[in-house]
Amino acid sequence: MDNSKIYAILGLGGSFYLWIILFFIGVLAFYGHWIVFAVSLLIYVCLLYYYLKSRKARAREMTKYIENLTFHLDSATKA
């Protein structure tokens, strides 16, 4: 089975995984592993930044694609 089919069946997005990671980072803080917690939190912030940046780029590309498709459909129906 293709990975994209698995993701479609489960319906899990990147946001879900980020919440799970944040939960485990919270567990580290709860049990007092402060050095590992600090390093994990720093890595988490980097992951969150990358996730938000890629999501914004993906939305921008999707908007551009839809606008381009609409333009070509309009020009095809007018001709």
PDB file of N, CA and C in Angstrom:
ATOM      1  N   MET A   1       0.846  -1.174   0.000  1.00  0.00           N
ATOM      2  CA  MET A   1       0.000   0.000   0.000  1.00  0.00           C
ATOM      3  C   MET A   1       0.893   1.239   0.000  1.00  0.00           C
ATOM      4  N   ASP A   2       0.531   2.202  -0.792  1.00  0.00           N
ATOM      5  CA  ASP A   2       1.283   3.443  -0.920  1.00  0.00           C
ATOM      6  C   ASP A   2       1.107   4.290   0.344  1.00  0.00           C
ATOM      7  N   ASN A   3       2.152   5.046   0.721  1.00  0.00           N
ATOM      8  CA  ASN A   3       2.079   5.883   1.912  1.00  0.00           C
ATOM      9  C   ASN A   3       0.971   6.916   1.830  1.00  0.00           C
ATOM     10  N   SER A   4       0.727   7.473   0.652  1.00  0.00           N
ATOM     11  CA  SER A   4      -0.326   8.475   0.518  1.00  0.00           C
ATOM     12  C   SER A   4      -1.695   7.867   0.808  1.00  0.00           C
ATOM     13  N   LYS A   5      -1.885   6.597   0.475  1.00  0.00           N
ATOM     14  CA  LYS A   5      -3.148   5.929   0.778  1.00  0.00           C
ATOM     15  C   LYS A   5      -3.310   5.732   2.280  1.00  0.00           C
ATOM     16  N   ILE A   6      -2.222   5.428   2.952  1.00  0.00           N
ATOM     17  CA  ILE A   6      -2.276   5.259   4.401  1.00  0.00           C
ATOM     18  C   ILE A   6      -2.640   6.576   5.067  1.00  0.00           C
ATOM     19  N   TYR A   7      -2.004   7.665   4.639  1.00  0.00           N
ATOM     20  CA  TYR A   7      -2.315   8.975   5.208  1.00  0.00           C
ATOM     21  C   TYR A   7      -3.760   9.368   4.919  1.00  0.00           C
ATOM     22  N   ALA A   8      -4.256   9.025   3.740  1.00  0.00           N
ATOM     23  CA  ALA A   8      -5.638   9.355   3.395  1.00  0.00           C
ATOM     24  C   ALA A   8      -6.615   8.566   4.262  1.00  0.00           C
ATOM     25  N   ILE A   9      -6.291   7.312   4.532  1.00  0.00           N
ATOM     26  CA  ILE A   9      -7.167   6.481   5.354  1.00  0.00           C
ATOM     27  C   ILE A   9      -7.180   6.979   6.797  1.00  0.00           C
ATOM     28  N   LEU A  10      -6.005   7.244   7.343  1.00  0.00           N
ATOM     29  CA  LEU A  10      -5.919   7.685   8.728  1.00  0.00           C
ATOM     30  C   LEU A  10      -6.313   9.148   8.902  1.00  0.00           C
ATOM     31  N   GLY A  11      -6.131   9.950   7.879  1.00  0.00           N
ATOM     32  CA  GLY A  11      -6.489  11.362   7.952  1.00  0.00           C
ATOM     33  C   GLY A  11      -5.595  12.163   8.878  1.00  0.00           C
ATOM     34  N   LEU A  12      -4.360  11.745   9.036  1.00  0.00           N
ATOM     35  CA  LEU A  12      -3.452  12.429   9.939  1.00  0.00           C
ATOM     36  C   LEU A  12      -2.653  13.474   9.187  1.00  0.00           C
ATOM     37  N   GLY A  13      -2.594  14.661   9.732  1.00  0.00           N
ATOM     38  CA  GLY A  13      -1.814  15.724   9.126  1.00  0.00           C
ATOM     39  C   GLY A  13      -0.598  16.028   9.974  1.00  0.00           C
ATOM     40  N   GLY A  14       0.192  16.964   9.510  1.00  0.00           N
ATOM     41  CA  GLY A  14       1.392  17.349  10.239  1.00  0.00           C
ATOM     42  C   GLY A  14       1.086  17.953  11.594  1.00  0.00           C
ATOM     43  N   SER A  15      -0.039  18.624  11.696  1.00  0.00           N
ATOM     44  CA  SER A  15      -0.420  19.265  12.948  1.00  0.00           C
ATOM     45  C   SER A  15      -0.608  18.233  14.065  1.00  0.00           C
ATOM     46  N   PHE A  16      -1.193  17.106  13.732  1.00  0.00           N
ATOM     47  CA  PHE A  16      -1.412  16.046  14.713  1.00  0.00           C
ATOM     48  C   PHE A  16      -0.088  15.578  15.310  1.00  0.00           C
ATOM     49  N   TYR A  17       0.891  15.364  14.454  1.00  0.00           N
ATOM     50  CA  TYR A  17       2.189  14.891  14.921  1.00  0.00           C
ATOM     51  C   TYR A  17       2.895  15.944  15.770  1.00  0.00           C
ATOM     52  N   LEU A  18       2.720  17.197  15.419  1.00  0.00           N
ATOM     53  CA  LEU A  18       3.336  18.255  16.219  1.00  0.00           C
ATOM     54  C   LEU A  18       2.733  18.306  17.619  1.00  0.00           C
ATOM     55  N   TRP A  19       1.431  18.067  17.738  1.00  0.00           N
ATOM     56  CA  TRP A  19       0.805  18.027  19.063  1.00  0.00           C
ATOM     57  C   TRP A  19       1.326  16.848  19.884  1.00  0.00           C
ATOM     58  N   ILE A  20       1.522  15.703  19.245  1.00  0.00           N
ATOM     59  CA  ILE A  20       2.055  14.528  19.948  1.00  0.00           C
ATOM     60  C   ILE A  20       3.475  14.806  20.440  1.00  0.00           C
ATOM     61  N   ILE A  21       4.288  15.414  19.590  1.00  0.00           N
ATOM     62  CA  ILE A  21       5.662  15.750  19.983  1.00  0.00           C
ATOM     63  C   ILE A  21       5.651  16.721  21.154  1.00  0.00           C
ATOM     64  N   LEU A  22       4.759  17.720  21.096  1.00  0.00           N
ATOM     65  CA  LEU A  22       4.665  18.693  22.187  1.00  0.00           C
ATOM     66  C   LEU A  22       4.250  18.015  23.489  1.00  0.00           C
ATOM     67  N   PHE A  23       3.367  17.036  23.406  1.00  0.00           N
ATOM     68  CA  PHE A  23       2.965  16.284  24.591  1.00  0.00           C
ATOM     69  C   PHE A  23       4.161  15.578  25.223  1.00  0.00           C
ATOM     70  N   PHE A  24       4.966  14.923  24.402  1.00  0.00           N
ATOM     71  CA  PHE A  24       6.127  14.213  24.936  1.00  0.00           C
ATOM     72  C   PHE A  24       7.183  15.173  25.483  1.00  0.00           C
ATOM     73  N   ILE A  25       7.289  16.340  24.891  1.00  0.00           N
ATOM     74  CA  ILE A  25       8.197  17.355  25.439  1.00  0.00           C
ATOM     75  C   ILE A  25       7.687  17.809  26.802  1.00  0.00           C
ATOM     76  N   GLY A  26       6.374  17.935  26.930  1.00  0.00           N
ATOM     77  CA  GLY A  26       5.789  18.270  28.228  1.00  0.00           C
ATOM     78  C   GLY A  26       6.052  17.195  29.270  1.00  0.00           C
ATOM     79  N   VAL A  27       6.023  15.938  28.861  1.00  0.00           N
ATOM     80  CA  VAL A  27       6.337  14.832  29.779  1.00  0.00           C
ATOM     81  C   VAL A  27       7.780  14.952  30.263  1.00  0.00           C
ATOM     82  N   LEU A  28       8.685  15.322  29.365  1.00  0.00           N
ATOM     83  CA  LEU A  28      10.082  15.528  29.771  1.00  0.00           C
ATOM     84  C   LEU A  28      10.183  16.615  30.835  1.00  0.00           C
ATOM     85  N   ALA A  29       9.448  17.699  30.654  1.00  0.00           N
ATOM     86  CA  ALA A  29       9.478  18.789  31.630  1.00  0.00           C
ATOM     87  C   ALA A  29       8.872  18.335  32.955  1.00  0.00           C
ATOM     88  N   PHE A  30       7.810  17.561  32.885  1.00  0.00           N
ATOM     89  CA  PHE A  30       7.138  17.094  34.095  1.00  0.00           C
ATOM     90  C   PHE A  30       8.059  16.233  34.953  1.00  0.00           C
ATOM     91  N   TYR A  31       8.852  15.392  34.313  1.00  0.00           N
ATOM     92  CA  TYR A  31       9.752  14.516  35.056  1.00  0.00           C
ATOM     93  C   TYR A  31      11.105  15.146  35.353  1.00  0.00           C
ATOM     94  N   GLY A  32      11.292  16.402  35.006  1.00  0.00           N
ATOM     95  CA  GLY A  32      12.475  17.139  35.422  1.00  0.00           C
ATOM     96  C   GLY A  32      13.729  16.929  34.600  1.00  0.00           C
ATOM     97  N   HIS A  33      13.609  16.481  33.386  1.00  0.00           N
ATOM     98  CA  HIS A  33      14.764  16.341  32.500  1.00  0.00           C
ATOM     99  C   HIS A  33      14.955  17.663  31.754  1.00  0.00           C
ATOM    100  N   TRP A  34      15.504  18.647  32.450  1.00  0.00           N
ATOM    101  CA  TRP A  34      15.505  20.021  31.949  1.00  0.00           C
ATOM    102  C   TRP A  34      16.419  20.235  30.747  1.00  0.00           C
ATOM    103  N   ILE A  35      17.560  19.584  30.721  1.00  0.00           N
ATOM    104  CA  ILE A  35      18.476  19.773  29.590  1.00  0.00           C
ATOM    105  C   ILE A  35      17.879  19.155  28.324  1.00  0.00           C
ATOM    106  N   VAL A  36      17.372  17.938  28.451  1.00  0.00           N
ATOM    107  CA  VAL A  36      16.743  17.283  27.304  1.00  0.00           C
ATOM    108  C   VAL A  36      15.492  18.057  26.888  1.00  0.00           C
ATOM    109  N   PHE A  37      14.755  18.580  27.877  1.00  0.00           N
ATOM    110  CA  PHE A  37      13.569  19.389  27.590  1.00  0.00           C
ATOM    111  C   PHE A  37      13.932  20.632  26.786  1.00  0.00           C
ATOM    112  N   ALA A  38      14.990  21.331  27.189  1.00  0.00           N
ATOM    113  CA  ALA A  38      15.390  22.563  26.501  1.00  0.00           C
ATOM    114  C   ALA A  38      15.824  22.278  25.064  1.00  0.00           C
ATOM    115  N   VAL A  39      16.609  21.229  24.877  1.00  0.00           N
ATOM    116  CA  VAL A  39      17.058  20.870  23.529  1.00  0.00           C
ATOM    117  C   VAL A  39      15.861  20.444  22.674  1.00  0.00           C
ATOM    118  N   SER A  40      14.979  19.647  23.253  1.00  0.00           N
ATOM    119  CA  SER A  40      13.793  19.191  22.523  1.00  0.00           C
ATOM    120  C   SER A  40      12.890  20.358  22.154  1.00  0.00           C
ATOM    121  N   LEU A  41      12.745  21.304  23.062  1.00  0.00           N
ATOM    122  CA  LEU A  41      11.914  22.469  22.784  1.00  0.00           C
ATOM    123  C   LEU A  41      12.504  23.313  21.665  1.00  0.00           C
ATOM    124  N   LEU A  42      13.813  23.441  21.643  1.00  0.00           N
ATOM    125  CA  LEU A  42      14.475  24.183  20.569  1.00  0.00           C
ATOM    126  C   LEU A  42      14.250  23.495  19.217  1.00  0.00           C
ATOM    127  N   ILE A  43      14.398  22.190  19.190  1.00  0.00           N
ATOM    128  CA  ILE A  43      14.156  21.440  17.956  1.00  0.00           C
ATOM    129  C   ILE A  43      12.689  21.542  17.551  1.00  0.00           C
ATOM    130  N   TYR A  44      11.787  21.502  18.538  1.00  0.00           N
ATOM    131  CA  TYR A  44      10.358  21.619  18.255  1.00  0.00           C
ATOM    132  C   TYR A  44      10.020  22.967  17.627  1.00  0.00           C
ATOM    133  N   VAL A  45      10.619  24.030  18.125  1.00  0.00           N
ATOM    134  CA  VAL A  45      10.375  25.361  17.560  1.00  0.00           C
ATOM    135  C   VAL A  45      10.843  25.407  16.109  1.00  0.00           C
ATOM    136  N   CYS A  46      11.979  24.787  15.819  1.00  0.00           N
ATOM    137  CA  CYS A  46      12.460  24.729  14.432  1.00  0.00           C
ATOM    138  C   CYS A  46      11.494  23.940  13.551  1.00  0.00           C
ATOM    139  N   LEU A  47      11.002  22.814  14.044  1.00  0.00           N
ATOM    140  CA  LEU A  47      10.028  22.017  13.290  1.00  0.00           C
ATOM    141  C   LEU A  47       8.734  22.787  13.058  1.00  0.00           C
ATOM    142  N   LEU A  48       8.286  23.493  14.084  1.00  0.00           N
ATOM    143  CA  LEU A  48       7.065  24.277  13.962  1.00  0.00           C
ATOM    144  C   LEU A  48       7.227  25.388  12.936  1.00  0.00           C
ATOM    145  N   TYR A  49       8.373  26.052  12.942  1.00  0.00           N
ATOM    146  CA  TYR A  49       8.647  27.104  11.960  1.00  0.00           C
ATOM    147  C   TYR A  49       8.633  26.534  10.545  1.00  0.00           C
ATOM    148  N   TYR A  50       9.302  25.404  10.347  1.00  0.00           N
ATOM    149  CA  TYR A  50       9.336  24.771   9.028  1.00  0.00           C
ATOM    150  C   TYR A  50       7.937  24.348   8.589  1.00  0.00           C
ATOM    151  N   TYR A  51       7.156  23.791   9.511  1.00  0.00           N
ATOM    152  CA  TYR A  51       5.799  23.350   9.192  1.00  0.00           C
ATOM    153  C   TYR A  51       4.931  24.527   8.754  1.00  0.00           C
ATOM    154  N   LEU A  52       4.971  25.622   9.501  1.00  0.00           N
ATOM    155  CA  LEU A  52       4.158  26.788   9.158  1.00  0.00           C
ATOM    156  C   LEU A  52       4.603  27.414   7.845  1.00  0.00           C
ATOM    157  N   LYS A  53       5.907  27.465   7.634  1.00  0.00           N
ATOM    158  CA  LYS A  53       6.443  28.029   6.395  1.00  0.00           C
ATOM    159  C   LYS A  53       6.034  27.182   5.191  1.00  0.00           C
ATOM    160  N   SER A  54       6.134  25.873   5.295  1.00  0.00           N
ATOM    161  CA  SER A  54       5.776  25.004   4.170  1.00  0.00           C
ATOM    162  C   SER A  54       4.272  24.998   3.933  1.00  0.00           C
ATOM    163  N   ARG A  55       3.482  25.093   4.993  1.00  0.00           N
ATOM    164  CA  ARG A  55       2.030  25.147   4.832  1.00  0.00           C
ATOM    165  C   ARG A  55       1.599  26.420   4.114  1.00  0.00           C
ATOM    166  N   LYS A  56       2.249  27.530   4.456  1.00  0.00           N
ATOM    167  CA  LYS A  56       1.947  28.796   3.791  1.00  0.00           C
ATOM    168  C   LYS A  56       2.346  28.739   2.316  1.00  0.00           C
ATOM    169  N   ALA A  57       3.508  28.159   2.025  1.00  0.00           N
ATOM    170  CA  ALA A  57       3.958  28.029   0.634  1.00  0.00           C
ATOM    171  C   ALA A  57       3.027  27.116  -0.155  1.00  0.00           C
ATOM    172  N   ARG A  58       2.583  26.038   0.467  1.00  0.00           N
ATOM    173  CA  ARG A  58       1.664  25.109  -0.197  1.00  0.00           C
ATOM    174  C   ARG A  58       0.333  25.793  -0.506  1.00  0.00           C
ATOM    175  N   ALA A  59      -0.164  26.591   0.422  1.00  0.00           N
ATOM    176  CA  ALA A  59      -1.414  27.317   0.187  1.00  0.00           C
ATOM    177  C   ALA A  59      -1.249  28.339  -0.930  1.00  0.00           C
ATOM    178  N   ARG A  60      -0.097  29.003  -0.962  1.00  0.00           N
ATOM    179  CA  ARG A  60       0.176  29.985  -2.011  1.00  0.00           C
ATOM    180  C   ARG A  60       0.248  29.297  -3.378  1.00  0.00           C
ATOM    181  N   GLU A  61       0.903  28.139  -3.448  1.00  0.00           N
ATOM    182  CA  GLU A  61       0.988  27.396  -4.704  1.00  0.00           C
ATOM    183  C   GLU A  61      -0.386  26.908  -5.153  1.00  0.00           C
ATOM    184  N   MET A  62      -1.203  26.464  -4.204  1.00  0.00           N
ATOM    185  CA  MET A  62      -2.541  25.996  -4.543  1.00  0.00           C
ATOM    186  C   MET A  62      -3.392  27.143  -5.075  1.00  0.00           C
ATOM    187  N   THR A  63      -3.282  28.308  -4.471  1.00  0.00           N
ATOM    188  CA  THR A  63      -4.024  29.474  -4.948  1.00  0.00           C
ATOM    189  C   THR A  63      -3.579  29.860  -6.347  1.00  0.00           C
ATOM    190  N   LYS A  64      -2.271  29.850  -6.567  1.00  0.00           N
ATOM    191  CA  LYS A  64      -1.743  30.178  -7.894  1.00  0.00           C
ATOM    192  C   LYS A  64      -2.230  29.168  -8.932  1.00  0.00           C
ATOM    193  N   TYR A  65      -2.247  27.892  -8.580  1.00  0.00           N
ATOM    194  CA  TYR A  65      -2.699  26.849  -9.496  1.00  0.00           C
ATOM    195  C   TYR A  65      -4.180  27.032  -9.841  1.00  0.00           C
ATOM    196  N   ILE A  66      -5.001  27.311  -8.835  1.00  0.00           N
ATOM    197  CA  ILE A  66      -6.435  27.490  -9.072  1.00  0.00           C
ATOM    198  C   ILE A  66      -6.689  28.722  -9.931  1.00  0.00           C
ATOM    199  N   GLU A  67      -5.967  29.811  -9.668  1.00  0.00           N
ATOM    200  CA  GLU A  67      -6.126  31.014 -10.483  1.00  0.00           C
ATOM    201  C   GLU A  67      -5.716  30.749 -11.932  1.00  0.00           C
ATOM    202  N   ASN A  68      -4.629  30.028 -12.124  1.00  0.00           N
ATOM    203  CA  ASN A  68      -4.163  29.691 -13.467  1.00  0.00           C
ATOM    204  C   ASN A  68      -5.176  28.794 -14.183  1.00  0.00           C
ATOM    205  N   LEU A  69      -5.698  27.816 -13.475  1.00  0.00           N
ATOM    206  CA  LEU A  69      -6.692  26.915 -14.050  1.00  0.00           C
ATOM    207  C   LEU A  69      -7.959  27.677 -14.421  1.00  0.00           C
ATOM    208  N   THR A  70      -8.398  28.567 -13.557  1.00  0.00           N
ATOM    209  CA  THR A  70      -9.582  29.376 -13.838  1.00  0.00           C
ATOM    210  C   THR A  70      -9.364  30.250 -15.060  1.00  0.00           C
ATOM    211  N   PHE A  71      -8.192  30.853 -15.154  1.00  0.00           N
ATOM    212  CA  PHE A  71      -7.887  31.701 -16.303  1.00  0.00           C
ATOM    213  C   PHE A  71      -7.942  30.906 -17.597  1.00  0.00           C
ATOM    214  N   HIS A  72      -7.341  29.714 -17.600  1.00  0.00           N
ATOM    215  CA  HIS A  72      -7.322  28.895 -18.813  1.00  0.00           C
ATOM    216  C   HIS A  72      -8.716  28.370 -19.165  1.00  0.00           C
ATOM    217  N   LEU A  73      -9.517  28.048 -18.158  1.00  0.00           N
ATOM    218  CA  LEU A  73     -10.883  27.609 -18.439  1.00  0.00           C
ATOM    219  C   LEU A  73     -11.716  28.754 -19.003  1.00  0.00           C
ATOM    220  N   ASP A  74     -11.547  29.951 -18.454  1.00  0.00           N
ATOM    221  CA  ASP A  74     -12.273  31.113 -18.970  1.00  0.00           C
ATOM    222  C   ASP A  74     -11.884  31.409 -20.409  1.00  0.00           C
ATOM    223  N   SER A  75     -10.598  31.363 -20.694  1.00  0.00           N
ATOM    224  CA  SER A  75     -10.153  31.649 -22.061  1.00  0.00           C
ATOM    225  C   SER A  75     -10.579  30.541 -23.028  1.00  0.00           C
ATOM    226  N   ALA A  76     -10.669  29.311 -22.557  1.00  0.00           N
ATOM    227  CA  ALA A  76     -11.096  28.209 -23.424  1.00  0.00           C
ATOM    228  C   ALA A  76     -12.587  28.296 -23.729  1.00  0.00           C
ATOM    229  N   THR A  77     -13.381  28.733 -22.768  1.00  0.00           N
ATOM    230  CA  THR A  77     -14.823  28.814 -23.005  1.00  0.00           C
ATOM    231  C   THR A  77     -15.191  30.029 -23.844  1.00  0.00           C
ATOM    232  N   LYS A  78     -14.376  31.081 -23.815  1.00  0.00           N
ATOM    233  CA  LYS A  78     -14.651  32.279 -24.607  1.00  0.00           C
ATOM    234  C   LYS A  78     -14.278  32.083 -26.070  1.00  0.00           C
ATOM    235  N   ALA A  79     -13.354  31.190 -26.337  1.00  0.00           N
ATOM    236  CA  ALA A  79     -12.869  31.005 -27.717  1.00  0.00           C
ATOM    237  C   ALA A  79     -13.803  30.215 -28.565  1.00  0.00           C
TER     238      ALA A  79
END
